[in-house]
Amino acid sequence: MFAQAEVVVGLLSLLGTLIGSVTGILAANRLTNFRISQLEKKVEKHNHLVERVAIVENSVKSAHHRIDDIEGGTGR
């Protein structure tokens, strides 16, 4: 009689451990996926900023060339 009770308790403990472990793994996976998506958004914003800065640098360079041409090359 005691052997059967011990087996039942052991099986219930195993089941509880498995459910807890799987739940913990799924929760951690969900959090990791969320954090990765947030980082991807930040990288996307950064990449757009880098592209815009490159465009502004080219525009400023062009403006300096035009100013130098207007001043007869004596500017700067």
Protein backbone atom coordinates (compact mmCIF):
# COMPACT_ATOMS: atom_id res chain seq x y z
CA MET A 1 0.00 0.00 0.00
CA PHE A 2 2.79 2.43 0.87
CA ALA A 3 4.68 1.61 -2.30
CA GLN A 4 1.75 2.67 -4.46
CA ALA A 5 1.40 5.95 -2.58
CA GLU A 6 5.09 6.65 -2.98
CA VAL A 7 4.89 5.97 -6.73
CA VAL A 8 1.88 8.29 -7.07
CA VAL A 9 3.66 11.03 -5.12
CA GLY A 10 6.77 10.53 -7.25
CA LEU A 11 4.79 10.73 -10.49
CA LEU A 12 2.92 13.84 -9.32
CA SER A 13 6.25 15.45 -8.37
CA LEU A 14 7.66 14.60 -11.78
CA LEU A 15 4.60 16.03 -13.52
CA GLY A 16 4.78 19.23 -11.46
CA THR A 17 8.48 19.62 -12.20
CA LEU A 18 7.96 19.11 -15.92
CA ILE A 19 5.09 21.61 -16.07
CA GLY A 20 7.08 24.19 -14.10
CA SER A 21 10.16 23.74 -16.24
CA VAL A 22 8.28 24.01 -19.53
CA THR A 23 6.38 27.07 -18.31
CA GLY A 24 9.62 28.74 -17.22
CA ILE A 25 11.31 28.00 -20.54
CA LEU A 26 8.37 29.40 -22.51
CA ALA A 27 8.25 32.56 -20.38
CA ALA A 28 11.99 33.12 -20.79
CA ASN A 29 11.72 32.54 -24.53
CA ARG A 30 8.88 35.06 -24.82
CA LEU A 31 10.90 37.66 -22.91
CA THR A 32 13.97 37.04 -25.06
CA ASN A 33 11.93 37.44 -28.26
CA PHE A 34 10.43 40.69 -26.94
CA ARG A 35 13.84 42.10 -26.08
CA ILE A 36 15.24 41.13 -29.48
CA SER A 37 12.36 42.88 -31.25
CA GLN A 38 12.98 46.02 -29.18
CA LEU A 39 16.67 45.95 -30.09
CA GLU A 40 15.79 45.50 -33.77
CA LYS A 41 13.62 48.64 -33.58
CA LYS A 42 16.48 50.60 -32.02
CA VAL A 43 18.92 49.39 -34.68
CA GLU A 44 16.44 50.37 -37.40
CA LYS A 45 16.18 53.90 -35.96
CA HIS A 46 19.97 54.13 -35.74
CA ASN A 47 20.39 53.00 -39.35
CA HIS A 48 17.94 55.67 -40.52
CA LEU A 49 19.86 58.28 -38.55
CA VAL A 50 23.16 57.21 -40.14
CA GLU A 51 21.62 57.46 -43.61
CA ARG A 52 20.25 60.93 -42.87
CA VAL A 53 23.61 62.13 -41.50
CA ALA A 54 25.35 60.91 -44.65
CA ILE A 55 22.89 62.88 -46.79
CA VAL A 56 23.40 66.01 -44.66
CA GLU A 57 27.19 65.64 -44.91
CA ASN A 58 26.99 65.49 -48.71
CA SER A 59 24.69 68.51 -48.75
CA VAL A 60 27.04 70.51 -46.52
CA LYS A 61 30.02 69.54 -48.65
CA SER A 62 28.16 70.68 -51.77
CA ALA A 63 27.19 73.95 -50.07
CA HIS A 64 30.82 74.61 -49.12
CA HIS A 65 31.90 74.04 -52.73
CA ARG A 66 29.26 76.47 -53.99
CA ILE A 67 30.32 79.08 -51.42
CA ASP A 68 33.95 78.64 -52.43
CA ASP A 69 32.97 79.09 -56.09
CA ILE A 70 31.02 82.26 -55.28
CA GLU A 71 33.87 83.70 -53.25
CA GLY A 72 36.32 82.87 -56.00
CA GLY A 73 38.01 80.09 -54.09
CA THR A 74 39.25 82.40 -51.33
CA GLY A 75 36.80 81.17 -48.72
CA ARG A 76 37.75 79.00 -45.78
